[in-house]
Amino acid sequence: MSDAFTARHLKAVETIIGHVFANKELLRRALTHPSAVEKEQYCDSYERLEFLGDSILGAIVANSLYQRFPHLDEGGMTRLKVRLVSGNSLCAVADDLGLGKHIIFGSSERGTGKRGMASALENVFEAIVAAITLDGGIKVASDFVEKNLVSRLPDSIPEACDNPKSELQENLQAKHLLPEYKLVSTTGPPHDRTFTCKVIVNGDCIGTGTGKSKKDAESQAAKEALAGLSDLG
């Protein structure tokens, strides 16, 4: 790939994201899929930037939600955060911005289709957040995330925030997984039962909850699972 060809892509992306890089190399790396540098150093692709960007993005979104929804509890903020930084969400934002046509792929990756592109879009978005932070500072990165990601939330708290089971399923589906709910125990007299449920993925329990109905117990288990997903980034 010629330097002139790469320069055109970098300039186009600078226009898209609204930041002109002092260090063009950061942006080039943020757009470079690992398949394009298989015979070169791993740091020439977006992988290291993606790692950094994942953490920066999480912090920016968490701060934004904390400021924007002062009456929302920890569980509600967690569910909103998970929704915003999910693979599906980041892929959609990157796709809407038109970043896909500027990703630098190697020949071995070009035939992987929609799944390969979706993963690349998610990774590139995170890498760009890191690149902007390193080049322009956290304020510039925060403005970019606010404008293109957080702004997708309505002013009022979305209903999905109060539906942890749907939220969990949406995030697991992005990883091609599905949750399974299992009733563990039922205690108490018939008029005052307490139910305990677990949510299981690939044979592993990722959340446990209790409630006065099976539905409430499953909802609590999903909340715990969502909090765990958020902690894992």
C-alpha atoms as a PDB file:
ATOM      1  CA  MET A   1       0.000   0.000   0.000  1.00  0.00           C
ATOM      2  CA  SER A   2       1.514   3.310  -1.075  1.00  0.00           C
ATOM      3  CA  ASP A   3       2.202   6.178   1.292  1.00  0.00           C
ATOM      4  CA  ALA A   4      -0.072   8.430  -0.783  1.00  0.00           C
ATOM      5  CA  PHE A   5      -2.930   5.907  -0.561  1.00  0.00           C
ATOM      6  CA  THR A   6      -2.513   5.612   3.211  1.00  0.00           C
ATOM      7  CA  ALA A   7      -2.314   9.400   3.590  1.00  0.00           C
ATOM      8  CA  ARG A   8      -5.681   9.790   1.824  1.00  0.00           C
ATOM      9  CA  HIS A   9      -7.287   7.368   4.249  1.00  0.00           C
ATOM     10  CA  LEU A  10      -5.784   9.127   7.259  1.00  0.00           C
ATOM     11  CA  LYS A  11      -6.996  12.504   6.064  1.00  0.00           C
ATOM     12  CA  ALA A  12     -10.499  11.143   5.452  1.00  0.00           C
ATOM     13  CA  VAL A  13     -10.666   9.674   8.961  1.00  0.00           C
ATOM     14  CA  GLU A  14      -9.387  12.906  10.519  1.00  0.00           C
ATOM     15  CA  THR A  15     -12.322  14.653   8.851  1.00  0.00           C
ATOM     16  CA  ILE A  16     -14.739  12.002  10.131  1.00  0.00           C
ATOM     17  CA  ILE A  17     -13.608  12.171  13.750  1.00  0.00           C
ATOM     18  CA  GLY A  18     -12.940  15.908  13.818  1.00  0.00           C
ATOM     19  CA  HIS A  19      -9.327  15.764  14.988  1.00  0.00           C
ATOM     20  CA  VAL A  20      -6.154  16.427  13.015  1.00  0.00           C
ATOM     21  CA  PHE A  21      -3.353  14.281  14.389  1.00  0.00           C
ATOM     22  CA  ALA A  22       0.048  15.719  15.177  1.00  0.00           C
ATOM     23  CA  ASN A  23       1.293  12.128  15.221  1.00  0.00           C
ATOM     24  CA  LYS A  24      -0.147  10.516  12.082  1.00  0.00           C
ATOM     25  CA  GLU A  25       1.445   7.197  13.030  1.00  0.00           C
ATOM     26  CA  LEU A  26      -0.995   6.802  15.916  1.00  0.00           C
ATOM     27  CA  LEU A  27      -3.948   7.053  13.566  1.00  0.00           C
ATOM     28  CA  ARG A  28      -2.354   4.724  11.023  1.00  0.00           C
ATOM     29  CA  ARG A  29      -1.909   2.075  13.700  1.00  0.00           C
ATOM     30  CA  ALA A  30      -5.480   2.577  14.939  1.00  0.00           C
ATOM     31  CA  LEU A  31      -6.747   1.732  11.449  1.00  0.00           C
ATOM     32  CA  THR A  32      -4.417  -1.209  10.778  1.00  0.00           C
ATOM     33  CA  HIS A  33      -5.832  -4.710  11.188  1.00  0.00           C
ATOM     34  CA  PRO A  34      -3.349  -7.322  12.513  1.00  0.00           C
ATOM     35  CA  SER A  35      -3.635  -9.225   9.223  1.00  0.00           C
ATOM     36  CA  ALA A  36      -1.943  -6.310   7.435  1.00  0.00           C
ATOM     37  CA  VAL A  37       1.229  -6.593   9.539  1.00  0.00           C
ATOM     38  CA  GLU A  38       1.548 -10.352  10.011  1.00  0.00           C
ATOM     39  CA  LYS A  39       5.243 -10.281   9.147  1.00  0.00           C
ATOM     40  CA  GLU A  40       5.967  -7.107  11.087  1.00  0.00           C
ATOM     41  CA  GLN A  41       5.923  -6.104  14.757  1.00  0.00           C
ATOM     42  CA  TYR A  42       2.626  -6.571  16.601  1.00  0.00           C
ATOM     43  CA  CYS A  43       2.720  -2.938  17.706  1.00  0.00           C
ATOM     44  CA  ASP A  44       2.191  -1.844  14.085  1.00  0.00           C
ATOM     45  CA  SER A  45      -1.485  -2.880  14.253  1.00  0.00           C
ATOM     46  CA  TYR A  46      -4.367  -1.567  16.363  1.00  0.00           C
ATOM     47  CA  GLU A  47      -4.072  -4.255  19.047  1.00  0.00           C
ATOM     48  CA  ARG A  48      -2.164  -2.273  21.687  1.00  0.00           C
ATOM     49  CA  LEU A  49      -4.246   0.848  21.091  1.00  0.00           C
ATOM     50  CA  GLU A  50      -7.426  -1.229  21.315  1.00  0.00           C
ATOM     51  CA  PHE A  51      -6.342  -2.487  24.750  1.00  0.00           C
ATOM     52  CA  LEU A  52      -5.801   1.062  26.001  1.00  0.00           C
ATOM     53  CA  GLY A  53      -8.896   2.421  24.291  1.00  0.00           C
ATOM     54  CA  ASP A  54     -11.147  -0.169  25.925  1.00  0.00           C
ATOM     55  CA  SER A  55     -10.239   1.145  29.385  1.00  0.00           C
ATOM     56  CA  ILE A  56     -10.356   4.808  28.388  1.00  0.00           C
ATOM     57  CA  LEU A  57     -13.745   4.348  26.738  1.00  0.00           C
ATOM     58  CA  GLY A  58     -15.136   2.647  29.826  1.00  0.00           C
ATOM     59  CA  ALA A  59     -13.952   5.504  32.057  1.00  0.00           C
ATOM     60  CA  ILE A  60     -15.360   8.198  29.753  1.00  0.00           C
ATOM     61  CA  VAL A  61     -18.748   6.485  29.521  1.00  0.00           C
ATOM     62  CA  ALA A  62     -18.880   5.827  33.278  1.00  0.00           C
ATOM     63  CA  ASN A  63     -18.147   9.480  34.059  1.00  0.00           C
ATOM     64  CA  SER A  64     -20.718  10.654  31.517  1.00  0.00           C
ATOM     65  CA  LEU A  65     -23.449   8.416  32.954  1.00  0.00           C
ATOM     66  CA  TYR A  66     -22.586   9.493  36.501  1.00  0.00           C
ATOM     67  CA  GLN A  67     -22.978  13.147  35.541  1.00  0.00           C
ATOM     68  CA  ARG A  68     -25.988  12.714  33.271  1.00  0.00           C
ATOM     69  CA  PHE A  69     -28.170  10.522  35.494  1.00  0.00           C
ATOM     70  CA  PRO A  70     -27.622  11.739  39.096  1.00  0.00           C
ATOM     71  CA  HIS A  71     -30.505   9.665  40.481  1.00  0.00           C
ATOM     72  CA  LEU A  72     -29.591   6.394  38.776  1.00  0.00           C
ATOM     73  CA  ASP A  73     -28.178   3.690  41.068  1.00  0.00           C
ATOM     74  CA  GLU A  74     -25.039   1.640  40.450  1.00  0.00           C
ATOM     75  CA  GLY A  75     -26.946  -1.208  38.833  1.00  0.00           C
ATOM     76  CA  GLY A  76     -28.717   1.117  36.414  1.00  0.00           C
ATOM     77  CA  MET A  77     -25.470   2.856  35.437  1.00  0.00           C
ATOM     78  CA  THR A  78     -23.816  -0.513  34.953  1.00  0.00           C
ATOM     79  CA  ARG A  79     -26.535  -1.689  32.601  1.00  0.00           C
ATOM     80  CA  LEU A  80     -26.377   1.507  30.568  1.00  0.00           C
ATOM     81  CA  LYS A  81     -22.602   1.298  30.377  1.00  0.00           C
ATOM     82  CA  VAL A  82     -22.691  -2.310  29.217  1.00  0.00           C
ATOM     83  CA  ARG A  83     -25.244  -1.352  26.574  1.00  0.00           C
ATOM     84  CA  LEU A  84     -23.148   1.534  25.252  1.00  0.00           C
ATOM     85  CA  VAL A  85     -19.778  -0.236  25.114  1.00  0.00           C
ATOM     86  CA  SER A  86     -21.088  -3.556  23.786  1.00  0.00           C
ATOM     87  CA  GLY A  87     -19.606  -4.890  20.577  1.00  0.00           C
ATOM     88  CA  ASN A  88     -22.849  -4.315  18.694  1.00  0.00           C
ATOM     89  CA  SER A  89     -23.010  -0.696  19.841  1.00  0.00           C
ATOM     90  CA  LEU A  90     -19.401   0.175  18.951  1.00  0.00           C
ATOM     91  CA  CYS A  91     -19.676  -1.624  15.622  1.00  0.00           C
ATOM     92  CA  ALA A  92     -22.824   0.328  14.747  1.00  0.00           C
ATOM     93  CA  VAL A  93     -21.233   3.681  15.618  1.00  0.00           C
ATOM     94  CA  ALA A  94     -18.054   2.928  13.665  1.00  0.00           C
ATOM     95  CA  ASP A  95     -20.115   1.747  10.705  1.00  0.00           C
ATOM     96  CA  ASP A  96     -22.297   4.866  10.763  1.00  0.00           C
ATOM     97  CA  LEU A  97     -19.164   7.015  10.801  1.00  0.00           C
ATOM     98  CA  GLY A  98     -17.946   5.216   7.675  1.00  0.00           C
ATOM     99  CA  LEU A  99     -14.747   3.895   9.239  1.00  0.00           C
ATOM    100  CA  GLY A 100     -15.047   0.485   7.584  1.00  0.00           C
ATOM    101  CA  LYS A 101     -13.795   1.602   4.180  1.00  0.00           C
ATOM    102  CA  HIS A 102     -10.667   3.064   5.769  1.00  0.00           C
ATOM    103  CA  ILE A 103      -9.535  -0.001   7.764  1.00  0.00           C
ATOM    104  CA  ILE A 104      -6.261  -1.393   6.437  1.00  0.00           C
ATOM    105  CA  PHE A 105      -6.691  -5.162   6.025  1.00  0.00           C
ATOM    106  CA  GLY A 106      -4.248  -7.818   4.935  1.00  0.00           C
ATOM    107  CA  SER A 107      -5.139 -10.229   2.140  1.00  0.00           C
ATOM    108  CA  SER A 108      -5.823 -13.075   4.601  1.00  0.00           C
ATOM    109  CA  GLU A 109      -8.674 -11.151   6.262  1.00  0.00           C
ATOM    110  CA  ARG A 110     -10.484  -9.650   3.302  1.00  0.00           C
ATOM    111  CA  GLY A 111     -12.610 -12.717   2.702  1.00  0.00           C
ATOM    112  CA  THR A 112     -13.989 -13.156   6.218  1.00  0.00           C
ATOM    113  CA  GLY A 113     -17.190 -11.263   5.478  1.00  0.00           C
ATOM    114  CA  LYS A 114     -19.535  -9.411   7.796  1.00  0.00           C
ATOM    115  CA  ARG A 115     -18.380 -11.094  11.005  1.00  0.00           C
ATOM    116  CA  GLY A 116     -14.749 -10.114  10.404  1.00  0.00           C
ATOM    117  CA  MET A 117     -15.743  -6.549   9.560  1.00  0.00           C
ATOM    118  CA  ALA A 118     -17.958  -6.229  12.650  1.00  0.00           C
ATOM    119  CA  SER A 119     -15.099  -7.258  14.926  1.00  0.00           C
ATOM    120  CA  ALA A 120     -12.693  -4.917  13.141  1.00  0.00           C
ATOM    121  CA  LEU A 121     -15.087  -1.963  13.419  1.00  0.00           C
ATOM    122  CA  GLU A 122     -15.459  -2.486  17.170  1.00  0.00           C
ATOM    123  CA  ASN A 123     -11.695  -2.769  17.658  1.00  0.00           C
ATOM    124  CA  VAL A 124     -10.903   0.229  15.467  1.00  0.00           C
ATOM    125  CA  PHE A 125     -13.343   2.435  17.380  1.00  0.00           C
ATOM    126  CA  GLU A 126     -11.610   1.577  20.669  1.00  0.00           C
ATOM    127  CA  ALA A 127      -8.187   2.076  19.082  1.00  0.00           C
ATOM    128  CA  ILE A 128      -9.194   5.488  17.741  1.00  0.00           C
ATOM    129  CA  VAL A 129     -10.329   6.564  21.221  1.00  0.00           C
ATOM    130  CA  ALA A 130      -6.864   5.655  22.530  1.00  0.00           C
ATOM    131  CA  ALA A 131      -5.112   7.360  19.611  1.00  0.00           C
ATOM    132  CA  ILE A 132      -7.089  10.573  20.130  1.00  0.00           C
ATOM    133  CA  THR A 133      -6.270  10.519  23.853  1.00  0.00           C
ATOM    134  CA  LEU A 134      -2.550  10.066  23.249  1.00  0.00           C
ATOM    135  CA  ASP A 135      -2.456  12.715  20.542  1.00  0.00           C
ATOM    136  CA  GLY A 136      -4.909  15.340  21.788  1.00  0.00           C
ATOM    137  CA  GLY A 137      -5.677  14.536  25.409  1.00  0.00           C
ATOM    138  CA  ILE A 138      -8.579  13.078  27.351  1.00  0.00           C
ATOM    139  CA  LYS A 139     -10.831  16.121  26.777  1.00  0.00           C
ATOM    140  CA  VAL A 140     -10.689  15.683  23.006  1.00  0.00           C
ATOM    141  CA  ALA A 141     -11.341  11.951  23.361  1.00  0.00           C
ATOM    142  CA  SER A 142     -14.255  12.600  25.726  1.00  0.00           C
ATOM    143  CA  ASP A 143     -15.816  15.036  23.276  1.00  0.00           C
ATOM    144  CA  PHE A 144     -15.513  12.443  20.499  1.00  0.00           C
ATOM    145  CA  VAL A 145     -17.136   9.715  22.625  1.00  0.00           C
ATOM    146  CA  GLU A 146     -19.884  12.041  23.856  1.00  0.00           C
ATOM    147  CA  LYS A 147     -20.760  13.194  20.349  1.00  0.00           C
ATOM    148  CA  ASN A 148     -20.710   9.816  18.639  1.00  0.00           C
ATOM    149  CA  LEU A 149     -21.603   7.264  21.330  1.00  0.00           C
ATOM    150  CA  VAL A 150     -23.163   8.680  24.503  1.00  0.00           C
ATOM    151  CA  SER A 151     -25.409  11.000  22.485  1.00  0.00           C
ATOM    152  CA  ARG A 152     -27.282   7.925  21.262  1.00  0.00           C
ATOM    153  CA  LEU A 153     -28.947   7.621  24.651  1.00  0.00           C
ATOM    154  CA  PRO A 154     -32.244   9.474  25.041  1.00  0.00           C
ATOM    155  CA  ASP A 155     -32.500  12.220  27.656  1.00  0.00           C
ATOM    156  CA  SER A 156     -34.681   9.986  29.807  1.00  0.00           C
ATOM    157  CA  ILE A 157     -33.477   6.632  31.086  1.00  0.00           C
ATOM    158  CA  PRO A 158     -34.179   3.993  28.417  1.00  0.00           C
ATOM    159  CA  GLU A 159     -36.517   1.125  29.216  1.00  0.00           C
ATOM    160  CA  ALA A 160     -33.723  -1.343  28.558  1.00  0.00           C
ATOM    161  CA  CYS A 161     -32.116  -0.112  31.765  1.00  0.00           C
ATOM    162  CA  ASP A 162     -35.013  -1.709  33.656  1.00  0.00           C
ATOM    163  CA  ASN A 163     -34.908  -4.945  31.686  1.00  0.00           C
ATOM    164  CA  PRO A 164     -31.662  -6.664  32.688  1.00  0.00           C
ATOM    165  CA  LYS A 165     -32.603  -9.990  31.084  1.00  0.00           C
ATOM    166  CA  SER A 166     -32.987  -8.366  27.656  1.00  0.00           C
ATOM    167  CA  GLU A 167     -29.824  -6.347  28.211  1.00  0.00           C
ATOM    168  CA  LEU A 168     -27.839  -9.444  29.132  1.00  0.00           C
ATOM    169  CA  GLN A 169     -29.131 -11.409  26.168  1.00  0.00           C
ATOM    170  CA  GLU A 170     -28.258  -8.570  23.782  1.00  0.00           C
ATOM    171  CA  ASN A 171     -24.683  -8.414  25.046  1.00  0.00           C
ATOM    172  CA  LEU A 172     -24.186 -12.174  25.042  1.00  0.00           C
ATOM    173  CA  GLN A 173     -25.592 -12.490  21.527  1.00  0.00           C
ATOM    174  CA  ALA A 174     -22.846 -10.108  20.376  1.00  0.00           C
ATOM    175  CA  LYS A 175     -20.442 -12.837  21.523  1.00  0.00           C
ATOM    176  CA  HIS A 176     -22.593 -15.572  19.921  1.00  0.00           C
ATOM    177  CA  LEU A 177     -23.669 -16.851  23.347  1.00  0.00           C
ATOM    178  CA  LEU A 178     -27.056 -17.323  25.005  1.00  0.00           C
ATOM    179  CA  PRO A 179     -27.972 -17.259  28.711  1.00  0.00           C
ATOM    180  CA  GLU A 180     -29.791 -20.143  30.380  1.00  0.00           C
ATOM    181  CA  TYR A 181     -31.749 -19.560  33.603  1.00  0.00           C
ATOM    182  CA  LYS A 182     -31.933 -22.344  36.174  1.00  0.00           C
ATOM    183  CA  LEU A 183     -34.120 -22.423  39.279  1.00  0.00           C
ATOM    184  CA  VAL A 184     -31.830 -23.454  42.140  1.00  0.00           C
ATOM    185  CA  SER A 185     -34.204 -23.474  45.112  1.00  0.00           C
ATOM    186  CA  THR A 186     -37.612 -22.502  46.417  1.00  0.00           C
ATOM    187  CA  THR A 187     -37.953 -21.833  50.129  1.00  0.00           C
ATOM    188  CA  GLY A 188     -40.654 -20.640  52.506  1.00  0.00           C
ATOM    189  CA  PRO A 189     -44.389 -21.405  52.859  1.00  0.00           C
ATOM    190  CA  PRO A 190     -46.648 -21.317  49.755  1.00  0.00           C
ATOM    191  CA  HIS A 191     -47.884 -17.799  50.551  1.00  0.00           C
ATOM    192  CA  ASP A 192     -44.353 -16.375  51.043  1.00  0.00           C
ATOM    193  CA  ARG A 193     -41.956 -18.165  48.724  1.00  0.00           C
ATOM    194  CA  THR A 194     -38.397 -17.070  47.982  1.00  0.00           C
ATOM    195  CA  PHE A 195     -36.879 -18.221  44.694  1.00  0.00           C
ATOM    196  CA  THR A 196     -33.183 -18.485  43.841  1.00  0.00           C
ATOM    197  CA  CYS A 197     -32.062 -18.647  40.212  1.00  0.00           C
ATOM    198  CA  LYS A 198     -28.772 -18.820  38.395  1.00  0.00           C
ATOM    199  CA  VAL A 199     -27.910 -17.648  34.908  1.00  0.00           C
ATOM    200  CA  ILE A 200     -25.561 -20.004  33.103  1.00  0.00           C
ATOM    201  CA  VAL A 201     -23.458 -19.508  29.980  1.00  0.00           C
ATOM    202  CA  ASN A 202     -21.461 -22.361  28.465  1.00  0.00           C
ATOM    203  CA  GLY A 203     -21.938 -24.359  31.644  1.00  0.00           C
ATOM    204  CA  ASP A 204     -20.627 -21.608  33.937  1.00  0.00           C
ATOM    205  CA  CYS A 205     -22.717 -19.633  36.427  1.00  0.00           C
ATOM    206  CA  ILE A 206     -22.262 -15.907  35.752  1.00  0.00           C
ATOM    207  CA  GLY A 207     -24.934 -14.576  38.115  1.00  0.00           C
ATOM    208  CA  THR A 208     -27.222 -15.564  40.994  1.00  0.00           C
ATOM    209  CA  GLY A 209     -30.363 -13.823  42.226  1.00  0.00           C
ATOM    210  CA  THR A 210     -33.244 -14.206  44.649  1.00  0.00           C
ATOM    211  CA  GLY A 211     -36.787 -12.844  44.578  1.00  0.00           C
ATOM    212  CA  LYS A 212     -40.398 -13.389  45.558  1.00  0.00           C
ATOM    213  CA  SER A 213     -41.086 -14.779  42.110  1.00  0.00           C
ATOM    214  CA  LYS A 214     -39.083 -16.786  39.620  1.00  0.00           C
ATOM    215  CA  LYS A 215     -39.144 -13.793  37.267  1.00  0.00           C
ATOM    216  CA  ASP A 216     -37.696 -11.472  39.919  1.00  0.00           C
ATOM    217  CA  ALA A 217     -34.989 -14.004  40.790  1.00  0.00           C
ATOM    218  CA  GLU A 218     -33.986 -14.312  37.136  1.00  0.00           C
ATOM    219  CA  SER A 219     -33.901 -10.530  36.824  1.00  0.00           C
ATOM    220  CA  GLN A 220     -31.601 -10.234  39.833  1.00  0.00           C
ATOM    221  CA  ALA A 221     -29.349 -12.959  38.435  1.00  0.00           C
ATOM    222  CA  ALA A 222     -29.139 -11.062  35.137  1.00  0.00           C
ATOM    223  CA  LYS A 223     -28.210  -7.845  37.007  1.00  0.00           C
ATOM    224  CA  GLU A 224     -25.349  -9.620  38.744  1.00  0.00           C
ATOM    225  CA  ALA A 225     -24.194 -11.076  35.442  1.00  0.00           C
ATOM    226  CA  LEU A 226     -24.270  -7.644  33.785  1.00  0.00           C
ATOM    227  CA  ALA A 227     -22.168  -6.186  36.592  1.00  0.00           C
ATOM    228  CA  GLY A 228     -19.633  -8.957  36.014  1.00  0.00           C
ATOM    229  CA  LEU A 229     -19.526  -8.256  32.295  1.00  0.00           C
ATOM    230  CA  SER A 230     -18.890  -4.586  33.027  1.00  0.00           C
ATOM    231  CA  ASP A 231     -16.030  -5.427  35.399  1.00  0.00           C
ATOM    232  CA  LEU A 232     -14.451  -7.525  32.660  1.00  0.00           C
ATOM    233  CA  GLY A 233     -14.667  -4.574  30.258  1.00  0.00           C
END
